[in-house]
Amino acid sequence: MPANIFQILNMITLQIVNLVDLRTIGIADSPIIVDRSPPVAGKVNDGEIYKVDLDYTMYPDKVSVMYNCYRLDHLYE
């Protein structure tokens, strides 16, 4: 394995929530592979609408961020 990719041998639990507030919890039953090399940067938009960047928000207590077009080119070399 390259130096920037390693395995975590601890138990990891993930909670996933989608845009309609459906939730699930998953527990890893094997080691998780973590890649610490940086991706090729894409675009980050603030707001809850995919590929739409907000100019302002009406929520003083909530921040939403969506991103796209990030790539991990080194995985495909």
Protein backbone atom coordinates (compact mmCIF):
# COMPACT_ATOMS: atom_id res chain seq x y z
CA MET A 1 0.00 0.00 0.00
CA PRO A 2 1.32 3.54 -0.76
CA ALA A 3 2.52 5.61 2.22
CA ASN A 4 -0.51 7.94 2.12
CA ILE A 5 -3.00 5.06 2.37
CA PHE A 6 -3.32 3.08 5.59
CA GLN A 7 -5.78 0.89 7.46
CA ILE A 8 -7.63 1.76 10.65
CA LEU A 9 -8.12 -1.30 12.81
CA ASN A 10 -10.73 0.24 15.13
CA MET A 11 -14.48 -0.28 14.92
CA ILE A 12 -16.16 2.60 13.08
CA THR A 13 -19.84 3.51 13.18
CA LEU A 14 -21.30 5.86 10.55
CA GLN A 15 -24.63 7.65 10.66
CA ILE A 16 -25.83 8.73 7.22
CA VAL A 17 -28.63 11.28 6.67
CA ASN A 18 -29.93 12.21 3.21
CA LEU A 19 -31.78 15.30 1.99
CA VAL A 20 -35.22 13.98 3.04
CA ASP A 21 -33.96 13.15 6.54
CA LEU A 22 -33.88 9.37 6.02
CA ARG A 23 -31.25 7.95 8.37
CA THR A 24 -29.28 4.76 8.73
CA ILE A 25 -26.41 3.60 10.88
CA GLY A 26 -23.72 1.25 9.62
CA ILE A 27 -20.99 -0.53 11.51
CA ALA A 28 -17.82 -1.61 9.75
CA ASP A 29 -17.08 -5.30 10.11
CA SER A 30 -13.60 -5.05 8.62
CA PRO A 31 -10.77 -2.47 8.62
CA ILE A 32 -11.45 0.86 6.91
CA ILE A 33 -8.93 2.03 4.32
CA VAL A 34 -8.14 5.76 4.66
CA ASP A 35 -6.49 7.71 1.86
CA ARG A 36 -4.83 10.88 3.22
CA SER A 37 -3.68 12.21 -0.16
CA PRO A 38 -5.55 15.34 -1.24
CA PRO A 39 -8.13 15.17 -4.04
CA VAL A 40 -8.11 17.34 -7.13
CA ALA A 41 -10.31 20.23 -6.04
CA GLY A 42 -13.83 20.61 -7.39
CA LYS A 43 -16.53 23.12 -6.55
CA VAL A 44 -18.05 23.75 -3.12
CA ASN A 45 -21.47 25.37 -2.88
CA ASP A 46 -23.20 26.59 0.24
CA GLY A 47 -26.85 25.66 0.52
CA GLU A 48 -29.02 22.57 0.32
CA ILE A 49 -29.72 22.53 -3.43
CA TYR A 50 -27.31 20.42 -5.48
CA LYS A 51 -25.03 22.48 -7.79
CA VAL A 52 -26.65 25.79 -6.68
CA ASP A 53 -24.58 28.31 -4.72
CA LEU A 54 -26.50 30.60 -2.38
CA ASP A 55 -25.84 34.32 -2.09
CA TYR A 56 -27.35 34.49 1.41
CA THR A 57 -29.25 32.32 3.87
CA MET A 58 -32.20 32.92 6.16
CA TYR A 59 -31.04 30.37 8.76
CA PRO A 60 -28.85 31.84 11.54
CA ASP A 61 -28.25 28.43 13.14
CA LYS A 62 -27.66 26.12 10.16
CA VAL A 63 -25.03 25.81 7.44
CA SER A 64 -25.28 23.36 4.54
CA VAL A 65 -22.52 22.55 2.08
CA MET A 66 -22.50 20.43 -1.07
CA TYR A 67 -19.56 19.66 -3.28
CA ASN A 68 -18.97 18.00 -6.64
CA CYS A 69 -16.26 17.30 -9.23
CA TYR A 70 -13.61 16.29 -6.67
CA ARG A 71 -11.38 13.57 -8.08
CA LEU A 72 -8.86 11.07 -6.74
CA ASP A 73 -6.74 10.73 -9.87
CA HIS A 74 -3.91 8.87 -8.09
CA LEU A 75 -6.21 5.89 -7.56
CA TYR A 76 -6.51 5.37 -11.31
CA GLU A 77 -2.85 5.65 -12.33
